[in-house]
Amino acid sequence: MSDDFIYLDYAASTPVDPRVTRLMLECHESGFANPSSNHVAGRKSRAMIDNAAAQLAALLNVDPETLIWTSGATESDNLAIAGAARHRAHRGKHLVTLMTEHKAVTDVFGMLEKEGFEVTWLTPDESGHLDPAVFAAALRADTQLASIMYVNNETGVMQDIASLGGICREHGVLFHVDAAQAVGKIAIDLQALPVDLLSLTGHKFYGPKGIGALYVADRPDCHIEPILFGGGQQRQIRPGTLPADLIAGLGLAADIAASCLEADFAHLAALRRTLWRGIRDVEGVLINGDIDAGFPGILNVSVANVEGESLLLELEPLCVATGSACNSTNQEPSYVLRALGRSDLLAQSAIRFSLGRPTSESEVEFAARRYRDGVARLRDLAPEAAA
């Protein structure tokens, strides 16, 4: 991708597809008008948004009217969880989530705890999976909302959303799914899946930053309260002038993704196999997550007796991560990996390789060599630690 670096951090953000960029530039020229305006320019902007809604709806197999535009997955998560919990408070104040969720979810539940809600924080097994039986046992008569991530942003672990959602339907519990790492990467049919609320963002599947969406199922019990106020846009659920250019870009990214889901998945699976073959013989290396039942675009590994931040520097010019990009300034070990039972030292040594549509076989082969050499060099510099 660049002469200066090799980008293997697609779980943090993806490059904007050139076709999306071209469309957005066209929108800057012809779709700049406020889409709420009734004149011809405003109607043109509105038409761009309607087209994008149809494209995203086709990817998810939903009615376009069930989609609410937001600034990204963080806002979508906040709107879904806080908006639903507050609206349904009369049904009960018990909520359920997983300890390995993204901060955009865990921090909202933490806020709701301060408002008087009770949260059950479930622990996954050592591979990162949530046992549906454990989930079902956590539900109570006063449970009104649960939130479980589809694909974990650090480990790539995929939860059994169909089973978990089915349990929620049986108990009358609203089910929210953070699908930021899943939409545009795996097939999602929301007509078949028992999901009430689903969050997504454009920049995880080659669309622009600053735009996302929230799916709100058209069901009698599925309602949310707004968290922003001012204006009547989007049925007053999420007011504000809609950015036609960003929305058009997300729509086209969704359309492109729909046409290459299978090819992308196979491409990523082949690349991850090559990468793992290249590093699996490093002494003390282990996979964080489940390589057999996880999203193939992510490989998270720890290694004994090596410090992660030092290894990150050794790996340059590789652009990889030691955890979630949202927590990259925090030197604490990953709370996700600690929830999987990793020691602080192993959690701190973790490196997340995340692969994408543009990633080549030669890039992952180089990454494997760089990882092996980096671990060996750090152990040579501190042989007593490696002993």
Protein backbone atom coordinates (compact mmCIF):
# COMPACT_ATOMS: atom_id res chain seq x y z
CA MET A 1 0.00 0.00 0.00
CA SER A 2 2.86 2.36 0.78
CA ASP A 3 6.60 2.59 0.32
CA ASP A 4 6.90 3.67 3.97
CA PHE A 5 4.88 1.00 5.79
CA ILE A 6 2.91 -2.22 5.51
CA TYR A 7 -0.57 -1.72 6.88
CA LEU A 8 -1.94 -4.64 8.90
CA ASP A 9 -4.32 -2.75 11.17
CA TYR A 10 -7.58 -3.05 9.25
CA ALA A 11 -9.57 -3.73 12.43
CA ALA A 12 -8.72 -0.18 13.53
CA SER A 13 -9.69 1.40 10.22
CA THR A 14 -9.70 0.61 6.53
CA PRO A 15 -8.63 2.81 3.61
CA VAL A 16 -11.49 4.37 1.70
CA ASP A 17 -12.16 2.50 -1.53
CA PRO A 18 -11.18 4.74 -4.48
CA ARG A 19 -14.66 4.33 -5.96
CA VAL A 20 -16.13 5.64 -2.72
CA THR A 21 -13.75 8.60 -2.75
CA ARG A 22 -14.76 9.51 -6.30
CA LEU A 23 -18.44 9.37 -5.44
CA MET A 24 -17.96 11.56 -2.38
CA LEU A 25 -16.09 14.14 -4.43
CA GLU A 26 -19.01 14.23 -6.85
CA CYS A 27 -21.36 14.69 -3.89
CA HIS A 28 -19.30 17.67 -2.70
CA GLU A 29 -20.09 19.37 -5.97
CA SER A 30 -23.69 18.35 -6.56
CA GLY A 31 -24.98 17.08 -3.21
CA PHE A 32 -23.94 19.86 -0.87
CA ALA A 33 -27.47 21.15 -0.19
CA ASN A 34 -29.32 20.44 3.04
CA PRO A 35 -31.33 17.25 2.37
CA SER A 36 -34.16 18.61 4.52
CA SER A 37 -34.67 21.53 2.13
CA ASN A 38 -37.64 21.30 -0.24
CA HIS A 39 -35.97 22.89 -3.27
CA VAL A 40 -34.44 20.96 -6.15
CA ALA A 41 -30.90 20.97 -4.70
CA GLY A 42 -32.16 19.67 -1.37
CA ARG A 43 -34.14 16.94 -3.11
CA LYS A 44 -30.99 15.91 -4.98
CA SER A 45 -29.13 15.47 -1.70
CA ARG A 46 -32.09 13.57 -0.30
CA ALA A 47 -32.06 11.23 -3.29
CA MET A 48 -28.39 10.42 -2.62
CA ILE A 49 -29.24 9.50 0.96
CA ASP A 50 -32.21 7.38 -0.08
CA ASN A 51 -30.04 5.51 -2.56
CA ALA A 52 -27.41 4.84 0.11
CA ALA A 53 -30.09 3.61 2.51
CA ALA A 54 -31.27 1.16 -0.14
CA GLN A 55 -27.69 -0.08 -0.66
CA LEU A 56 -27.05 -0.63 3.05
CA ALA A 57 -30.48 -2.18 3.50
CA ALA A 58 -29.73 -4.65 0.71
CA LEU A 59 -26.49 -5.70 2.44
CA LEU A 60 -28.37 -6.38 5.69
CA ASN A 61 -31.64 -7.57 4.09
CA VAL A 62 -33.79 -4.99 5.89
CA ASP A 63 -36.24 -2.23 5.04
CA PRO A 64 -34.37 1.08 4.54
CA GLU A 65 -36.84 2.70 6.96
CA THR A 66 -35.31 0.68 9.80
CA LEU A 67 -31.93 2.45 9.46
CA ILE A 68 -30.91 5.50 11.48
CA TRP A 69 -27.80 7.40 10.33
CA THR A 70 -25.26 8.25 13.05
CA SER A 71 -21.69 9.52 13.26
CA GLY A 72 -20.34 5.99 13.72
CA ALA A 73 -20.55 2.83 15.79
CA THR A 74 -19.78 4.59 19.06
CA GLU A 75 -22.81 6.83 18.70
CA SER A 76 -24.91 3.92 17.46
CA ASP A 77 -23.95 1.87 20.52
CA ASN A 78 -24.75 4.76 22.85
CA LEU A 79 -28.08 5.45 21.16
CA ALA A 80 -29.12 1.79 21.11
CA ILE A 81 -28.13 0.86 24.66
CA ALA A 82 -28.94 4.04 26.56
CA GLY A 83 -31.95 4.82 24.39
CA ALA A 84 -33.47 1.35 24.77
CA ALA A 85 -32.65 0.89 28.46
CA ARG A 86 -34.21 4.21 29.43
CA HIS A 87 -37.28 3.63 27.28
CA ARG A 88 -37.83 0.19 28.80
CA ALA A 89 -36.97 1.06 32.39
CA HIS A 90 -40.57 0.41 33.41
CA ARG A 91 -40.08 -3.25 32.40
CA GLY A 92 -37.08 -3.69 34.66
CA LYS A 93 -33.63 -2.33 35.29
CA HIS A 94 -31.53 -5.44 34.76
CA LEU A 95 -29.12 -5.47 31.78
CA VAL A 96 -26.71 -8.11 30.50
CA THR A 97 -23.47 -7.76 28.54
CA LEU A 98 -20.05 -9.35 28.07
CA MET A 99 -16.81 -8.26 29.73
CA THR A 100 -14.99 -8.33 26.37
CA GLU A 101 -17.22 -5.79 24.62
CA HIS A 102 -15.78 -2.64 23.04
CA LYS A 103 -15.47 0.43 25.27
CA ALA A 104 -18.28 2.04 23.28
CA VAL A 105 -20.50 -0.58 24.90
CA THR A 106 -18.94 -1.16 28.32
CA ASP A 107 -18.72 2.54 29.12
CA VAL A 108 -22.41 3.02 28.32
CA PHE A 109 -23.34 0.20 30.67
CA GLY A 110 -21.10 1.77 33.30
CA MET A 111 -22.99 5.04 32.91
CA LEU A 112 -26.33 3.24 33.20
CA GLU A 113 -25.17 1.61 36.42
CA LYS A 114 -24.73 5.10 37.85
CA GLU A 115 -28.32 5.85 36.79
CA GLY A 116 -29.60 2.95 38.88
CA PHE A 117 -29.58 0.08 36.40
CA GLU A 118 -28.09 -3.27 37.41
CA VAL A 119 -25.67 -4.87 34.96
CA THR A 120 -24.57 -8.49 34.84
CA TRP A 121 -21.10 -8.69 33.29
CA LEU A 122 -20.61 -12.13 31.77
CA THR A 123 -17.20 -13.76 31.36
CA PRO A 124 -16.42 -15.70 28.16
CA ASP A 125 -14.55 -18.99 28.10
CA GLU A 126 -10.79 -19.02 27.52
CA SER A 127 -11.27 -18.89 23.74
CA GLY A 128 -13.50 -15.81 24.04
CA HIS A 129 -16.83 -17.47 23.31
CA LEU A 130 -19.97 -16.92 25.35
CA ASP A 131 -21.81 -20.15 26.12
CA PRO A 132 -25.51 -19.64 25.28
CA ALA A 133 -26.42 -21.65 28.41
CA VAL A 134 -24.44 -19.21 30.56
CA PHE A 135 -26.16 -16.33 28.81
CA ALA A 136 -29.62 -17.83 29.35
CA ALA A 137 -28.90 -18.44 33.03
CA ALA A 138 -28.06 -14.74 33.50
CA LEU A 139 -31.49 -13.55 32.33
CA ARG A 140 -34.05 -12.71 34.99
CA ALA A 141 -37.66 -11.67 35.12
CA ASP A 142 -36.58 -8.02 35.23
CA THR A 143 -33.96 -8.31 32.43
CA GLN A 144 -34.96 -5.93 29.64
CA LEU A 145 -31.85 -5.52 27.43
CA ALA A 146 -28.75 -7.48 26.46
CA SER A 147 -25.83 -6.45 24.25
CA ILE A 148 -23.30 -8.85 22.71
CA MET A 149 -20.67 -8.07 20.07
CA TYR A 150 -20.74 -10.03 16.81
CA VAL A 151 -16.98 -10.06 16.05
CA ASN A 152 -14.54 -9.06 18.76
CA ASN A 153 -12.32 -6.18 17.69
CA GLU A 154 -9.20 -7.55 19.41
CA THR A 155 -9.41 -11.31 18.94
CA GLY A 156 -11.80 -11.79 16.01
CA VAL A 157 -13.91 -14.21 18.06
CA MET A 158 -17.42 -14.55 16.60
CA GLN A 159 -20.35 -15.06 18.95
CA ASP A 160 -23.37 -17.27 18.21
CA ILE A 161 -25.70 -14.35 17.58
CA ALA A 162 -28.53 -16.56 16.29
CA SER A 163 -28.65 -18.62 19.49
CA LEU A 164 -28.22 -15.65 21.82
CA GLY A 165 -30.86 -13.65 19.99
CA GLY A 166 -33.26 -16.59 20.08
CA ILE A 167 -32.87 -16.80 23.85
CA CYS A 168 -33.64 -13.10 24.12
CA ARG A 169 -36.81 -13.47 22.03
CA GLU A 170 -37.97 -16.33 24.26
CA HIS A 171 -37.59 -14.12 27.34
CA GLY A 172 -38.87 -10.85 25.88
CA VAL A 173 -35.43 -9.24 26.19
CA LEU A 174 -34.33 -6.64 23.66
CA PHE A 175 -31.12 -7.72 21.92
CA HIS A 176 -28.46 -5.26 20.72
CA VAL A 177 -25.44 -6.32 18.64
CA ASP A 178 -22.31 -4.24 18.07
CA ALA A 179 -21.48 -5.34 14.52
CA ALA A 180 -18.78 -2.77 13.74
CA GLN A 181 -16.30 -5.54 12.90
CA ALA A 182 -18.87 -7.71 11.11
CA VAL A 183 -20.89 -5.59 8.68
CA GLY A 184 -19.39 -5.64 5.20
CA LYS A 185 -17.15 -8.57 6.17
CA ILE A 186 -19.49 -11.48 6.86
CA ALA A 187 -22.98 -12.20 5.56
CA ILE A 188 -25.65 -10.75 7.85
CA ASP A 189 -29.34 -11.38 7.20
CA LEU A 190 -31.40 -9.42 9.70
CA GLN A 191 -34.60 -10.96 8.40
CA ALA A 192 -33.29 -14.30 9.68
CA LEU A 193 -31.31 -13.23 12.75
CA PRO A 194 -33.28 -12.41 15.94
CA VAL A 195 -31.58 -9.04 16.43
CA ASP A 196 -33.46 -5.91 17.54
CA LEU A 197 -30.72 -3.29 17.39
CA LEU A 198 -27.48 -3.44 15.39
CA SER A 199 -24.64 -0.90 15.27
CA LEU A 200 -22.23 -0.36 12.39
CA THR A 201 -19.72 2.13 11.03
CA GLY A 202 -18.47 2.90 7.53
CA HIS A 203 -14.73 3.06 8.10
CA LYS A 204 -14.44 -0.62 9.02
CA PHE A 205 -15.41 -1.74 5.50
CA TYR A 206 -13.68 0.76 3.19
CA GLY A 207 -16.11 3.61 3.66
CA PRO A 208 -15.50 7.04 5.20
CA LYS A 209 -15.00 7.87 8.86
CA GLY A 210 -17.63 9.90 10.65
CA ILE A 211 -20.66 7.98 9.41
CA GLY A 212 -22.43 4.91 10.74
CA ALA A 213 -25.90 3.56 11.22
CA LEU A 214 -28.17 1.90 13.73
CA TYR A 215 -30.67 -0.74 12.69
CA VAL A 216 -33.88 -0.61 14.74
CA ALA A 217 -36.16 -3.58 14.11
CA ASP A 218 -39.73 -2.83 13.14
CA ARG A 219 -41.23 -4.65 16.11
CA PRO A 220 -43.84 -3.42 18.62
CA ASP A 221 -41.47 -3.69 21.60
CA CYS A 222 -38.43 -2.19 19.85
CA HIS A 223 -38.27 1.51 20.65
CA ILE A 224 -35.47 3.82 21.76
CA GLU A 225 -35.31 7.28 23.26
CA PRO A 226 -33.07 9.91 21.63
CA ILE A 227 -29.85 11.00 23.29
CA LEU A 228 -29.50 14.12 21.10
CA PHE A 229 -32.06 16.87 20.71
CA GLY A 230 -32.73 19.67 18.24
CA GLY A 231 -34.60 19.25 14.99
CA GLY A 232 -36.97 16.63 13.72
CA GLN A 233 -34.72 14.67 11.38
CA GLN A 234 -34.88 10.87 11.36
CA ARG A 235 -38.17 10.71 13.26
CA GLN A 236 -36.56 12.78 16.04
CA ILE A 237 -34.58 9.72 17.11
CA ARG A 238 -31.31 11.19 15.85
CA PRO A 239 -31.69 14.85 14.86
CA GLY A 240 -29.17 16.88 12.88
CA THR A 241 -28.42 17.74 9.27
CA LEU A 242 -27.48 14.59 7.39
CA PRO A 243 -24.10 14.54 5.56
CA ALA A 244 -25.10 13.37 2.11
CA ASP A 245 -21.52 12.84 0.97
CA LEU A 246 -20.57 10.57 3.89
CA ILE A 247 -23.83 8.64 3.69
CA ALA A 248 -23.42 8.14 -0.06
CA GLY A 249 -19.91 6.86 0.58
CA LEU A 250 -21.10 4.38 3.19
CA GLY A 251 -23.85 3.21 0.84
CA LEU A 252 -21.45 2.53 -2.00
CA ALA A 253 -19.03 0.77 0.38
CA ALA A 254 -21.92 -1.47 1.43
CA ASP A 255 -22.80 -2.16 -2.20
CA ILE A 256 -19.20 -3.08 -2.99
CA ALA A 257 -18.98 -5.29 0.09
CA ALA A 258 -22.13 -7.16 -0.88
CA SER A 259 -20.52 -8.14 -4.18
CA CYS A 260 -17.32 -9.54 -2.69
CA LEU A 261 -18.14 -10.96 0.77
CA GLU A 262 -17.25 -14.53 -0.15
CA ALA A 263 -14.10 -13.61 -2.06
CA ASP A 264 -12.90 -11.32 0.74
CA PHE A 265 -13.52 -13.99 3.38
CA ALA A 266 -11.60 -16.61 1.43
CA HIS A 267 -8.77 -14.16 0.75
CA LEU A 268 -8.44 -13.29 4.44
CA ALA A 269 -8.59 -16.93 5.50
CA ALA A 270 -5.72 -17.80 3.15
CA LEU A 271 -3.64 -14.87 4.37
CA ARG A 272 -4.19 -15.73 8.03
CA ARG A 273 -3.14 -19.33 7.41
CA THR A 274 0.07 -18.09 5.79
CA LEU A 275 0.76 -15.70 8.67
CA TRP A 276 0.14 -18.29 11.37
CA ARG A 277 2.27 -20.89 9.59
CA GLY A 278 5.07 -18.36 9.55
CA ILE A 279 5.05 -17.65 13.30
CA ARG A 280 3.57 -20.71 15.01
CA ASP A 281 6.99 -22.27 15.66
CA VAL A 282 8.15 -19.24 17.68
CA GLU A 283 8.78 -20.55 21.18
CA GLY A 284 6.04 -19.52 23.60
CA VAL A 285 3.67 -18.06 21.00
CA LEU A 286 -0.06 -18.63 21.49
CA ILE A 287 -3.27 -17.49 19.84
CA ASN A 288 -5.66 -15.22 21.69
CA GLY A 289 -9.09 -16.28 20.53
CA ASP A 290 -10.25 -19.12 18.31
CA ILE A 291 -8.53 -19.48 14.96
CA ASP A 292 -10.97 -22.17 13.83
CA ALA A 293 -14.18 -20.26 14.58
CA GLY A 294 -13.18 -16.63 14.38
CA PHE A 295 -13.19 -13.92 11.75
CA PRO A 296 -10.15 -14.62 9.53
CA GLY A 297 -9.18 -10.96 9.21
CA ILE A 298 -7.78 -10.91 12.75
CA LEU A 299 -4.91 -12.87 14.28
CA ASN A 300 -4.03 -11.91 17.86
CA VAL A 301 -1.00 -13.60 19.38
CA SER A 302 0.92 -13.37 22.64
CA VAL A 303 4.42 -14.60 23.28
CA ALA A 304 6.16 -15.41 26.54
CA ASN A 305 8.91 -13.19 27.93
CA VAL A 306 8.56 -10.34 25.44
CA GLU A 307 7.10 -6.90 26.12
CA GLY A 308 4.48 -5.83 23.62
CA GLU A 309 5.36 -2.15 23.18
CA SER A 310 9.01 -3.03 22.54
CA LEU A 311 7.95 -5.68 20.08
CA LEU A 312 5.70 -3.17 18.34
CA LEU A 313 8.73 -0.96 17.69
CA GLU A 314 10.75 -3.93 16.47
CA LEU A 315 8.03 -4.76 13.97
CA GLU A 316 8.18 -1.44 12.12
CA PRO A 317 7.46 -0.75 9.27
CA LEU A 318 4.54 -3.07 10.04
CA CYS A 319 1.44 -1.19 11.20
CA VAL A 320 -0.08 -3.55 13.76
CA ALA A 321 -1.64 -3.09 17.18
CA THR A 322 -1.24 -4.25 20.75
CA GLY A 323 -4.99 -4.07 21.33
CA SER A 324 -7.92 -1.85 20.43
CA ALA A 325 -6.94 1.39 18.70
CA CYS A 326 -9.37 3.19 20.99
CA ASN A 327 -7.19 2.19 23.97
CA SER A 328 -3.77 2.54 22.32
CA THR A 329 -2.65 5.34 24.65
CA ASN A 330 -3.43 3.20 27.70
CA GLN A 331 -0.45 1.14 28.85
CA GLU A 332 -2.63 -1.23 30.89
CA PRO A 333 -2.87 -4.84 29.67
CA SER A 334 -5.89 -5.51 27.46
CA TYR A 335 -9.02 -6.07 29.55
CA VAL A 336 -10.27 -8.31 26.75
CA LEU A 337 -7.30 -10.67 27.03
CA ARG A 338 -7.37 -10.61 30.81
CA ALA A 339 -11.02 -11.71 30.62
CA LEU A 340 -9.80 -14.71 28.60
CA GLY A 341 -7.50 -15.63 31.49
CA ARG A 342 -4.26 -14.25 30.11
CA SER A 343 -1.70 -13.05 32.64
CA ASP A 344 -0.75 -9.38 32.60
CA LEU A 345 2.60 -10.26 31.02
CA LEU A 346 1.03 -12.31 28.23
CA ALA A 347 -1.66 -9.69 27.65
CA GLN A 348 1.01 -6.98 27.38
CA SER A 349 2.92 -9.03 24.81
CA ALA A 350 -0.08 -9.35 22.50
CA ILE A 351 0.12 -8.23 18.90
CA ARG A 352 -3.02 -7.95 16.77
CA PHE A 353 -2.50 -8.48 13.05
CA SER A 354 -5.62 -7.45 11.14
CA LEU A 355 -5.78 -8.09 7.42
CA GLY A 356 -7.81 -6.49 4.67
CA ARG A 357 -8.92 -6.62 1.08
CA PRO A 358 -5.67 -5.00 -0.23
CA THR A 359 -3.35 -7.20 1.87
CA SER A 360 -1.03 -9.38 -0.22
CA GLU A 361 0.61 -12.75 0.40
CA SER A 362 4.04 -11.13 0.27
CA GLU A 363 3.05 -8.65 2.97
CA VAL A 364 2.01 -11.35 5.43
CA GLU A 365 5.13 -13.38 4.63
CA PHE A 366 7.21 -10.30 5.42
CA ALA A 367 5.18 -9.77 8.61
CA ALA A 368 5.88 -13.33 9.76
CA ARG A 369 9.62 -12.92 9.21
CA ARG A 370 9.58 -9.57 10.98
CA TYR A 371 7.73 -11.03 13.95
CA ARG A 372 10.14 -13.95 14.31
CA ASP A 373 13.16 -11.66 14.02
CA GLY A 374 11.70 -9.12 16.45
CA VAL A 375 11.01 -11.70 19.14
CA ALA A 376 14.48 -13.20 18.69
CA ARG A 377 16.18 -9.80 18.91
CA LEU A 378 14.33 -8.80 22.09
CA ARG A 379 15.19 -12.12 23.69
CA ASP A 380 18.84 -11.67 22.73
CA LEU A 381 18.81 -8.23 24.37
CA ALA A 382 17.31 -9.65 27.56
CA PRO A 383 18.32 -13.33 27.65
CA GLU A 384 17.51 -13.66 31.35
CA ALA A 385 13.87 -12.82 30.57
CA ALA A 386 13.69 -15.46 27.88
CA ALA A 387 15.17 -18.14 30.12
